[in-house]
PDB file of N, CA and C in Angstrom:
ATOM      1  N   MET A   1     247.772 140.581 135.137  1.00  0.00           N
ATOM      2  CA  MET A   1     247.508 139.383 135.731  1.00  0.00           C
ATOM      3  C   MET A   1     246.443 139.517 136.876  1.00  0.00           C
ATOM      4  N   SER A   2     245.260 138.892 136.893  1.00  0.00           N
ATOM      5  CA  SER A   2     244.354 139.075 137.881  1.00  0.00           C
ATOM      6  C   SER A   2     244.391 137.926 138.963  1.00  0.00           C
ATOM      7  N   ASN A   3     243.702 138.140 140.016  1.00  0.00           N
ATOM      8  CA  ASN A   3     243.682 137.250 141.108  1.00  0.00           C
ATOM      9  C   ASN A   3     242.844 136.034 140.690  1.00  0.00           C
ATOM     10  N   PHE A   4     242.164 136.016 139.599  1.00  0.00           N
ATOM     11  CA  PHE A   4     241.338 134.844 139.182  1.00  0.00           C
ATOM     12  C   PHE A   4     241.960 133.991 138.089  1.00  0.00           C
ATOM     13  N   ASP A   5     243.118 134.241 137.712  1.00  0.00           N
ATOM     14  CA  ASP A   5     243.743 133.520 136.711  1.00  0.00           C
ATOM     15  C   ASP A   5     243.954 132.061 137.053  1.00  0.00           C
ATOM     16  N   ASP A   6     244.206 131.779 138.307  1.00  0.00           N
ATOM     17  CA  ASP A   6     244.249 130.416 138.673  1.00  0.00           C
ATOM     18  C   ASP A   6     243.123 129.758 139.333  1.00  0.00           C
ATOM     19  N   ALA A   7     242.052 130.354 139.326  1.00  0.00           N
ATOM     20  CA  ALA A   7     240.792 129.907 139.851  1.00  0.00           C
ATOM     21  C   ALA A   7     240.197 128.754 139.092  1.00  0.00           C
ATOM     22  N   SER A   8     239.735 127.661 139.756  1.00  0.00           N
ATOM     23  CA  SER A   8     239.312 126.471 139.065  1.00  0.00           C
ATOM     24  C   SER A   8     237.766 126.516 138.924  1.00  0.00           C
ATOM     25  N   GLY A   9     237.094 127.462 139.600  1.00  0.00           N
ATOM     26  CA  GLY A   9     235.632 127.453 139.491  1.00  0.00           C
ATOM     27  C   GLY A   9     235.063 128.532 140.507  1.00  0.00           C
ATOM     28  N   VAL A  10     233.831 128.678 140.427  1.00  0.00           N
ATOM     29  CA  VAL A  10     233.126 129.595 141.256  1.00  0.00           C
ATOM     30  C   VAL A  10     231.862 128.921 141.862  1.00  0.00           C
ATOM     31  N   ARG A  11     231.582 129.109 143.169  1.00  0.00           N
ATOM     32  CA  ARG A  11     230.477 128.593 143.691  1.00  0.00           C
ATOM     33  C   ARG A  11     229.588 129.887 144.201  1.00  0.00           C
ATOM     34  N   ILE A  12     228.399 129.960 143.810  1.00  0.00           N
ATOM     35  CA  ILE A  12     227.454 130.884 144.271  1.00  0.00           C
ATOM     36  C   ILE A  12     226.277 130.257 144.990  1.00  0.00           C
ATOM     37  N   VAL A  13     226.004 130.764 146.180  1.00  0.00           N
ATOM     38  CA  VAL A  13     224.932 130.267 147.004  1.00  0.00           C
ATOM     39  C   VAL A  13     223.765 131.443 146.897  1.00  0.00           C
ATOM     40  N   VAL A  14     222.676 131.057 146.436  1.00  0.00           N
ATOM     41  CA  VAL A  14     221.466 132.053 146.276  1.00  0.00           C
ATOM     42  C   VAL A  14     220.446 131.559 147.170  1.00  0.00           C
ATOM     43  N   LYS A  15     219.851 132.550 147.766  1.00  0.00           N
ATOM     44  CA  LYS A  15     218.588 132.225 148.646  1.00  0.00           C
ATOM     45  C   LYS A  15     217.424 132.669 147.963  1.00  0.00           C
ATOM     46  N   LEU A  16     216.519 131.847 147.722  1.00  0.00           N
ATOM     47  CA  LEU A  16     215.269 132.245 146.907  1.00  0.00           C
ATOM     48  C   LEU A  16     214.015 131.953 147.997  1.00  0.00           C
ATOM     49  N   THR A  17     213.293 133.016 148.158  1.00  0.00           N
ATOM     50  CA  THR A  17     212.122 132.972 148.937  1.00  0.00           C
ATOM     51  C   THR A  17     210.868 133.145 148.051  1.00  0.00           C
ATOM     52  N   VAL A  18     210.068 132.099 148.096  1.00  0.00           N
ATOM     53  CA  VAL A  18     208.838 132.030 147.172  1.00  0.00           C
ATOM     54  C   VAL A  18     207.709 131.857 148.159  1.00  0.00           C
ATOM     55  N   LYS A  19     206.818 132.863 148.297  1.00  0.00           N
ATOM     56  CA  LYS A  19     205.714 132.628 149.311  1.00  0.00           C
ATOM     57  C   LYS A  19     204.583 131.925 148.755  1.00  0.00           C
ATOM     58  N   GLU A  20     204.412 131.938 147.414  1.00  0.00           N
ATOM     59  CA  GLU A  20     203.280 131.133 146.833  1.00  0.00           C
ATOM     60  C   GLU A  20     203.328 129.645 147.131  1.00  0.00           C
ATOM     61  N   LEU A  21     204.557 129.061 147.535  1.00  0.00           N
ATOM     62  CA  LEU A  21     204.577 127.680 147.773  1.00  0.00           C
ATOM     63  C   LEU A  21     203.943 127.337 149.088  1.00  0.00           C
ATOM     64  N   ILE A  22     203.858 128.347 149.953  1.00  0.00           N
ATOM     65  CA  ILE A  22     203.170 128.041 151.241  1.00  0.00           C
ATOM     66  C   ILE A  22     201.711 128.481 151.108  1.00  0.00           C
ATOM     67  N   GLN A  23     200.951 127.568 150.779  1.00  0.00           N
ATOM     68  CA  GLN A  23     199.469 127.887 150.699  1.00  0.00           C
ATOM     69  C   GLN A  23     198.599 126.701 151.025  1.00  0.00           C
ATOM     70  N   ARG A  24     197.434 126.974 151.445  1.00  0.00           N
ATOM     71  CA  ARG A  24     196.391 125.919 151.532  1.00  0.00           C
ATOM     72  C   ARG A  24     195.353 126.113 150.499  1.00  0.00           C
ATOM     73  N   PRO A  25     194.871 125.173 149.883  1.00  0.00           N
ATOM     74  CA  PRO A  25     194.000 125.442 148.669  1.00  0.00           C
ATOM     75  C   PRO A  25     192.664 125.915 149.228  1.00  0.00           C
ATOM     76  N   TYR A  26     192.020 126.849 148.559  1.00  0.00           N
ATOM     77  CA  TYR A  26     190.682 127.356 148.865  1.00  0.00           C
ATOM     78  C   TYR A  26     189.812 126.296 148.118  1.00  0.00           C
ATOM     79  N   THR A  27     188.592 126.184 148.928  1.00  0.00           N
ATOM     80  CA  THR A  27     187.569 125.347 148.287  1.00  0.00           C
ATOM     81  C   THR A  27     186.849 126.187 147.325  1.00  0.00           C
ATOM     82  N   ASP A  28     186.084 125.596 146.321  1.00  0.00           N
ATOM     83  CA  ASP A  28     185.335 126.310 145.361  1.00  0.00           C
ATOM     84  C   ASP A  28     184.394 127.258 146.074  1.00  0.00           C
ATOM     85  N   TYR A  29     183.807 126.895 147.216  1.00  0.00           N
ATOM     86  CA  TYR A  29     182.899 127.704 147.966  1.00  0.00           C
ATOM     87  C   TYR A  29     183.617 128.963 148.523  1.00  0.00           C
ATOM     88  N   GLN A  30     184.747 128.779 149.086  1.00  0.00           N
ATOM     89  CA  GLN A  30     185.493 129.917 149.525  1.00  0.00           C
ATOM     90  C   GLN A  30     185.846 130.854 148.491  1.00  0.00           C
ATOM     91  N   LYS A  31     186.200 130.354 147.381  1.00  0.00           N
ATOM     92  CA  LYS A  31     186.589 131.311 146.215  1.00  0.00           C
ATOM     93  C   LYS A  31     185.181 132.097 145.812  1.00  0.00           C
ATOM     94  N   LEU A  32     184.203 131.353 145.650  1.00  0.00           N
ATOM     95  CA  LEU A  32     182.870 131.984 145.314  1.00  0.00           C
ATOM     96  C   LEU A  32     182.410 133.014 146.330  1.00  0.00           C
ATOM     97  N   LEU A  33     182.621 132.831 147.603  1.00  0.00           N
ATOM     98  CA  LEU A  33     182.176 133.779 148.634  1.00  0.00           C
ATOM     99  C   LEU A  33     183.157 134.893 148.567  1.00  0.00           C
ATOM    100  N   PHE A  34     184.451 134.746 148.448  1.00  0.00           N
ATOM    101  CA  PHE A  34     185.454 135.780 148.349  1.00  0.00           C
ATOM    102  C   PHE A  34     185.088 136.701 147.133  1.00  0.00           C
ATOM    103  N   ARG A  35     184.863 136.121 145.972  1.00  0.00           N
ATOM    104  CA  ARG A  35     184.560 136.882 144.772  1.00  0.00           C
ATOM    105  C   ARG A  35     183.271 137.730 144.989  1.00  0.00           C
ATOM    106  N   LYS A  36     182.226 137.083 145.498  1.00  0.00           N
ATOM    107  CA  LYS A  36     180.962 137.871 145.789  1.00  0.00           C
ATOM    108  C   LYS A  36     181.178 138.933 146.697  1.00  0.00           C
ATOM    109  N   ILE A  37     181.937 138.775 147.828  1.00  0.00           N
ATOM    110  CA  ILE A  37     182.320 139.844 148.790  1.00  0.00           C
ATOM    111  C   ILE A  37     182.991 140.963 148.062  1.00  0.00           C
ATOM    112  N   CYS A  38     184.020 140.641 147.293  1.00  0.00           N
ATOM    113  CA  CYS A  38     184.854 141.704 146.558  1.00  0.00           C
ATOM    114  C   CYS A  38     183.862 142.473 145.652  1.00  0.00           C
ATOM    115  N   ILE A  39     183.055 141.823 144.928  1.00  0.00           N
ATOM    116  CA  ILE A  39     182.162 142.494 143.995  1.00  0.00           C
ATOM    117  C   ILE A  39     181.215 143.408 144.739  1.00  0.00           C
ATOM    118  N   LEU A  40     180.617 143.006 145.765  1.00  0.00           N
ATOM    119  CA  LEU A  40     179.687 143.839 146.634  1.00  0.00           C
ATOM    120  C   LEU A  40     180.362 144.992 147.318  1.00  0.00           C
ATOM    121  N   HIS A  41     181.587 144.724 147.775  1.00  0.00           N
ATOM    122  CA  HIS A  41     182.394 145.755 148.476  1.00  0.00           C
ATOM    123  C   HIS A  41     183.108 146.794 147.639  1.00  0.00           C
ATOM    124  N   VAL A  42     183.799 146.306 146.609  1.00  0.00           N
ATOM    125  CA  VAL A  42     184.529 147.299 145.691  1.00  0.00           C
ATOM    126  C   VAL A  42     183.623 147.773 144.687  1.00  0.00           C
ATOM    127  N   ARG A  43     182.832 146.984 143.838  1.00  0.00           N
ATOM    128  CA  ARG A  43     181.973 147.507 142.770  1.00  0.00           C
ATOM    129  C   ARG A  43     180.762 148.200 143.247  1.00  0.00           C
ATOM    130  N   GLU A  44     180.153 147.574 144.254  1.00  0.00           N
ATOM    131  CA  GLU A  44     178.800 148.054 144.647  1.00  0.00           C
ATOM    132  C   GLU A  44     178.937 149.012 145.843  1.00  0.00           C
ATOM    133  N   SER A  45     180.131 149.135 146.462  1.00  0.00           N
ATOM    134  CA  SER A  45     180.457 149.939 147.613  1.00  0.00           C
ATOM    135  C   SER A  45     179.600 149.670 148.752  1.00  0.00           C
ATOM    136  N   LEU A  46     179.169 148.456 148.948  1.00  0.00           N
ATOM    137  CA  LEU A  46     178.445 148.050 150.222  1.00  0.00           C
ATOM    138  C   LEU A  46     179.364 147.991 151.397  1.00  0.00           C
ATOM    139  N   THR A  47     178.773 148.192 152.576  1.00  0.00           N
ATOM    140  CA  THR A  47     179.595 147.952 153.817  1.00  0.00           C
ATOM    141  C   THR A  47     179.607 146.494 154.060  1.00  0.00           C
ATOM    142  N   PHE A  48     180.469 146.076 154.968  1.00  0.00           N
ATOM    143  CA  PHE A  48     180.554 144.613 155.364  1.00  0.00           C
ATOM    144  C   PHE A  48     179.278 144.174 156.052  1.00  0.00           C
ATOM    145  N   LYS A  49     178.733 145.090 156.801  1.00  0.00           N
ATOM    146  CA  LYS A  49     177.331 144.695 157.311  1.00  0.00           C
ATOM    147  C   LYS A  49     176.324 144.463 156.358  1.00  0.00           C
ATOM    148  N   ALA A  50     176.158 145.316 155.334  1.00  0.00           N
ATOM    149  CA  ALA A  50     175.217 145.192 154.310  1.00  0.00           C
ATOM    150  C   ALA A  50     175.498 143.984 153.399  1.00  0.00           C
ATOM    151  N   ILE A  51     176.777 143.647 153.140  1.00  0.00           N
ATOM    152  CA  ILE A  51     177.123 142.516 152.432  1.00  0.00           C
ATOM    153  C   ILE A  51     176.638 141.185 153.227  1.00  0.00           C
ATOM    154  N   ALA A  52     176.986 141.190 154.491  1.00  0.00           N
ATOM    155  CA  ALA A  52     176.557 140.004 155.319  1.00  0.00           C
ATOM    156  C   ALA A  52     175.075 139.865 155.276  1.00  0.00           C
ATOM    157  N   GLU A  53     174.286 141.000 155.370  1.00  0.00           N
ATOM    158  CA  GLU A  53     172.885 140.845 155.378  1.00  0.00           C
ATOM    159  C   GLU A  53     172.317 140.332 154.025  1.00  0.00           C
ATOM    160  N   GLN A  54     172.947 140.831 152.851  1.00  0.00           N
ATOM    161  CA  GLN A  54     172.540 140.336 151.476  1.00  0.00           C
ATOM    162  C   GLN A  54     172.849 138.953 151.384  1.00  0.00           C
ATOM    163  N   LEU A  55     174.024 138.538 151.749  1.00  0.00           N
ATOM    164  CA  LEU A  55     174.482 137.129 151.495  1.00  0.00           C
ATOM    165  C   LEU A  55     173.583 136.260 152.381  1.00  0.00           C
ATOM    166  N   ASP A  56     173.266 136.662 153.538  1.00  0.00           N
ATOM    167  CA  ASP A  56     172.450 135.927 154.409  1.00  0.00           C
ATOM    168  C   ASP A  56     171.178 135.672 153.817  1.00  0.00           C
ATOM    169  N   ARG A  57     170.571 136.838 153.226  1.00  0.00           N
ATOM    170  CA  ARG A  57     169.251 136.613 152.629  1.00  0.00           C
ATOM    171  C   ARG A  57     169.256 135.649 151.421  1.00  0.00           C
ATOM    172  N   GLU A  58     170.422 135.614 150.815  1.00  0.00           N
ATOM    173  CA  GLU A  58     170.703 134.725 149.642  1.00  0.00           C
ATOM    174  C   GLU A  58     170.885 133.270 149.987  1.00  0.00           C
ATOM    175  N   GLY A  59     171.041 132.977 151.339  1.00  0.00           N
ATOM    176  CA  GLY A  59     171.373 131.653 151.879  1.00  0.00           C
ATOM    177  C   GLY A  59     172.767 131.275 151.993  1.00  0.00           C
ATOM    178  N   TYR A  60     173.674 132.224 151.961  1.00  0.00           N
ATOM    179  CA  TYR A  60     175.033 131.773 152.138  1.00  0.00           C
ATOM    180  C   TYR A  60     175.382 131.807 153.672  1.00  0.00           C
ATOM    181  N   LYS A  61     176.326 130.812 153.853  1.00  0.00           N
ATOM    182  CA  LYS A  61     176.908 130.810 155.248  1.00  0.00           C
ATOM    183  C   LYS A  61     178.312 130.997 155.149  1.00  0.00           C
ATOM    184  N   SER A  62     179.096 131.008 156.218  1.00  0.00           N
ATOM    185  CA  SER A  62     180.432 131.087 156.238  1.00  0.00           C
ATOM    186  C   SER A  62     181.028 129.677 155.896  1.00  0.00           C
ATOM    187  N   PRO A  63     182.411 129.601 155.488  1.00  0.00           N
ATOM    188  CA  PRO A  63     182.853 128.288 155.195  1.00  0.00           C
ATOM    189  C   PRO A  63     182.805 127.274 156.395  1.00  0.00           C
ATOM    190  N   THR A  64     182.581 127.778 157.620  1.00  0.00           N
ATOM    191  CA  THR A  64     182.465 126.892 158.761  1.00  0.00           C
ATOM    192  C   THR A  64     180.961 126.665 159.153  1.00  0.00           C
ATOM    193  N   GLU A  65     179.901 127.128 158.272  1.00  0.00           N
ATOM    194  CA  GLU A  65     178.638 127.056 158.441  1.00  0.00           C
ATOM    195  C   GLU A  65     177.994 127.943 159.460  1.00  0.00           C
ATOM    196  N   LEU A  66     178.656 129.081 159.704  1.00  0.00           N
ATOM    197  CA  LEU A  66     178.150 130.052 160.629  1.00  0.00           C
ATOM    198  C   LEU A  66     177.241 131.039 159.870  1.00  0.00           C
ATOM    199  N   THR A  67     176.395 131.725 160.559  1.00  0.00           N
ATOM    200  CA  THR A  67     175.628 132.852 159.951  1.00  0.00           C
ATOM    201  C   THR A  67     176.572 134.027 159.666  1.00  0.00           C
ATOM    202  N   LEU A  68     176.527 134.692 158.422  1.00  0.00           N
ATOM    203  CA  LEU A  68     177.521 135.552 158.139  1.00  0.00           C
ATOM    204  C   LEU A  68     177.238 136.870 158.954  1.00  0.00           C
ATOM    205  N   THR A  69     178.235 137.395 159.469  1.00  0.00           N
ATOM    206  CA  THR A  69     178.127 138.793 160.246  1.00  0.00           C
ATOM    207  C   THR A  69     179.098 139.755 159.484  1.00  0.00           C
ATOM    208  N   ALA A  70     179.064 140.926 159.922  1.00  0.00           N
ATOM    209  CA  ALA A  70     179.985 141.850 159.371  1.00  0.00           C
ATOM    210  C   ALA A  70     181.445 141.506 159.665  1.00  0.00           C
ATOM    211  N   GLU A  71     181.735 141.039 160.794  1.00  0.00           N
ATOM    212  CA  GLU A  71     183.118 140.653 161.211  1.00  0.00           C
ATOM    213  C   GLU A  71     183.559 139.402 160.390  1.00  0.00           C
ATOM    214  N   ILE A  72     182.620 138.471 160.159  1.00  0.00           N
ATOM    215  CA  ILE A  72     183.080 137.301 159.398  1.00  0.00           C
ATOM    216  C   ILE A  72     183.378 137.702 157.996  1.00  0.00           C
ATOM    217  N   VAL A  73     182.438 138.463 157.386  1.00  0.00           N
ATOM    218  CA  VAL A  73     182.639 139.038 156.008  1.00  0.00           C
ATOM    219  C   VAL A  73     184.017 139.748 155.788  1.00  0.00           C
ATOM    220  N   PHE A  74     184.252 140.552 156.804  1.00  0.00           N
ATOM    221  CA  PHE A  74     185.521 141.340 156.787  1.00  0.00           C
ATOM    222  C   PHE A  74     186.712 140.420 156.823  1.00  0.00           C
ATOM    223  N   GLY A  75     186.662 139.377 157.679  1.00  0.00           N
ATOM    224  CA  GLY A  75     187.635 138.465 157.845  1.00  0.00           C
ATOM    225  C   GLY A  75     187.952 137.684 156.525  1.00  0.00           C
ATOM    226  N   ILE A  76     187.000 137.273 155.756  1.00  0.00           N
ATOM    227  CA  ILE A  76     186.992 136.586 154.596  1.00  0.00           C
ATOM    228  C   ILE A  76     187.606 137.547 153.526  1.00  0.00           C
ATOM    229  N   TYR A  77     187.203 138.845 153.505  1.00  0.00           N
ATOM    230  CA  TYR A  77     187.749 139.771 152.550  1.00  0.00           C
ATOM    231  C   TYR A  77     189.243 140.018 152.822  1.00  0.00           C
ATOM    232  N   LYS A  78     189.576 140.275 154.044  1.00  0.00           N
ATOM    233  CA  LYS A  78     190.984 140.596 154.436  1.00  0.00           C
ATOM    234  C   LYS A  78     191.901 139.408 154.148  1.00  0.00           C
ATOM    235  N   LYS A  79     191.575 138.181 154.583  1.00  0.00           N
ATOM    236  CA  LYS A  79     192.276 136.970 154.271  1.00  0.00           C
ATOM    237  C   LYS A  79     192.498 136.693 152.868  1.00  0.00           C
ATOM    238  N   GLY A  80     191.372 136.946 152.041  1.00  0.00           N
ATOM    239  CA  GLY A  80     191.436 136.679 150.657  1.00  0.00           C
ATOM    240  C   GLY A  80     192.406 137.668 149.994  1.00  0.00           C
ATOM    241  N   LYS A  81     192.296 138.932 150.352  1.00  0.00           N
ATOM    242  CA  LYS A  81     193.286 140.003 149.913  1.00  0.00           C
ATOM    243  C   LYS A  81     194.714 139.548 150.158  1.00  0.00           C
ATOM    244  N   VAL A  82     194.979 139.073 151.394  1.00  0.00           N
ATOM    245  CA  VAL A  82     196.491 138.705 151.738  1.00  0.00           C
ATOM    246  C   VAL A  82     196.844 137.544 150.894  1.00  0.00           C
ATOM    247  N   ARG A  83     195.893 136.644 150.650  1.00  0.00           N
ATOM    248  CA  ARG A  83     196.178 135.431 149.895  1.00  0.00           C
ATOM    249  C   ARG A  83     196.540 135.861 148.459  1.00  0.00           C
ATOM    250  N   GLU A  84     195.700 136.735 147.966  1.00  0.00           N
ATOM    251  CA  GLU A  84     195.949 137.257 146.472  1.00  0.00           C
ATOM    252  C   GLU A  84     197.290 137.895 146.372  1.00  0.00           C
ATOM    253  N   ASP A  85     197.642 138.752 147.435  1.00  0.00           N
ATOM    254  CA  ASP A  85     199.011 139.389 147.306  1.00  0.00           C
ATOM    255  C   ASP A  85     200.087 138.386 147.432  1.00  0.00           C
ATOM    256  N   ARG A  86     199.941 137.362 148.319  1.00  0.00           N
ATOM    257  CA  ARG A  86     200.996 136.406 148.431  1.00  0.00           C
ATOM    258  C   ARG A  86     201.161 135.611 147.165  1.00  0.00           C
ATOM    259  N   LEU A  87     200.140 135.231 146.444  1.00  0.00           N
ATOM    260  CA  LEU A  87     200.171 134.432 145.390  1.00  0.00           C
ATOM    261  C   LEU A  87     200.658 135.208 144.122  1.00  0.00           C
ATOM    262  N   SER A  88     200.550 136.637 144.243  1.00  0.00           N
ATOM    263  CA  SER A  88     201.028 137.327 143.088  1.00  0.00           C
ATOM    264  C   SER A  88     202.366 137.893 143.288  1.00  0.00           C
ATOM    265  N   ALA A  89     202.931 137.735 144.500  1.00  0.00           N
ATOM    266  CA  ALA A  89     204.286 138.292 144.801  1.00  0.00           C
ATOM    267  C   ALA A  89     205.354 137.623 144.083  1.00  0.00           C
ATOM    268  N   LYS A  90     206.287 138.420 143.601  1.00  0.00           N
ATOM    269  CA  LYS A  90     207.456 137.953 142.921  1.00  0.00           C
ATOM    270  C   LYS A  90     208.521 137.279 143.924  1.00  0.00           C
ATOM    271  N   PRO A  91     209.184 136.277 143.437  1.00  0.00           N
ATOM    272  CA  PRO A  91     210.168 135.618 144.339  1.00  0.00           C
ATOM    273  C   PRO A  91     211.210 136.611 144.753  1.00  0.00           C
ATOM    274  N   LYS A  92     211.693 136.510 146.024  1.00  0.00           N
ATOM    275  CA  LYS A  92     212.766 137.318 146.537  1.00  0.00           C
ATOM    276  C   LYS A  92     214.060 136.661 146.379  1.00  0.00           C
ATOM    277  N   ARG A  93     214.995 137.088 145.669  1.00  0.00           N
ATOM    278  CA  ARG A  93     216.326 136.551 145.457  1.00  0.00           C
ATOM    279  C   ARG A  93     217.354 137.288 146.180  1.00  0.00           C
ATOM    280  N   GLU A  94     218.285 136.615 146.709  1.00  0.00           N
ATOM    281  CA  GLU A  94     219.364 137.184 147.480  1.00  0.00           C
ATOM    282  C   GLU A  94     220.634 136.315 147.290  1.00  0.00           C
ATOM    283  N   ILE A  95     221.683 136.909 146.812  1.00  0.00           N
ATOM    284  CA  ILE A  95     222.982 136.217 146.761  1.00  0.00           C
ATOM    285  C   ILE A  95     223.588 136.179 148.234  1.00  0.00           C
ATOM    286  N   VAL A  96     223.804 135.001 148.764  1.00  0.00           N
ATOM    287  CA  VAL A  96     224.247 134.861 150.069  1.00  0.00           C
ATOM    288  C   VAL A  96     225.718 134.706 150.194  1.00  0.00           C
ATOM    289  N   GLN A  97     226.325 134.000 149.155  1.00  0.00           N
ATOM    290  CA  GLN A  97     227.850 133.725 149.209  1.00  0.00           C
ATOM    291  C   GLN A  97     228.315 133.556 147.823  1.00  0.00           C
ATOM    292  N   ILE A  98     229.490 134.160 147.547  1.00  0.00           N
ATOM    293  CA  ILE A  98     230.293 133.872 146.320  1.00  0.00           C
ATOM    294  C   ILE A  98     231.686 133.459 146.732  1.00  0.00           C
ATOM    295  N   VAL A  99     231.998 132.226 146.230  1.00  0.00           N
ATOM    296  CA  VAL A  99     233.400 131.686 146.612  1.00  0.00           C
ATOM    297  C   VAL A  99     234.078 131.346 145.305  1.00  0.00           C
ATOM    298  N   VAL A 100     235.264 131.949 145.129  1.00  0.00           N
ATOM    299  CA  VAL A 100     236.236 131.543 144.058  1.00  0.00           C
ATOM    300  C   VAL A 100     237.112 130.474 144.403  1.00  0.00           C
ATOM    301  N   MET A 101     237.079 129.435 143.683  1.00  0.00           N
ATOM    302  CA  MET A 101     237.945 128.317 143.963  1.00  0.00           C
ATOM    303  C   MET A 101     239.168 128.112 143.116  1.00  0.00           C
TER     304      MET A 101
END
């Protein structure tokens, strides 16, 4: 005879953390700019300064209409990578409590 023979049910409380629900949508321009920076940095091995100069010559501006600098390009790249990681992260599941009734 076990302790659960007279149990009428079980209540399980699960905590689910999903980071992808917390996001602000990127504009098409932000996506384009991030993709171009990734291609130039990863595939072409350009520095952020060289990327800023090339994109400036092509007429690109920052999403807030500023002239692109190495610092701005790096920020776009870094924030875009963080966003990619957040959106591709698997949900974190944790059983908080189990109650036998």
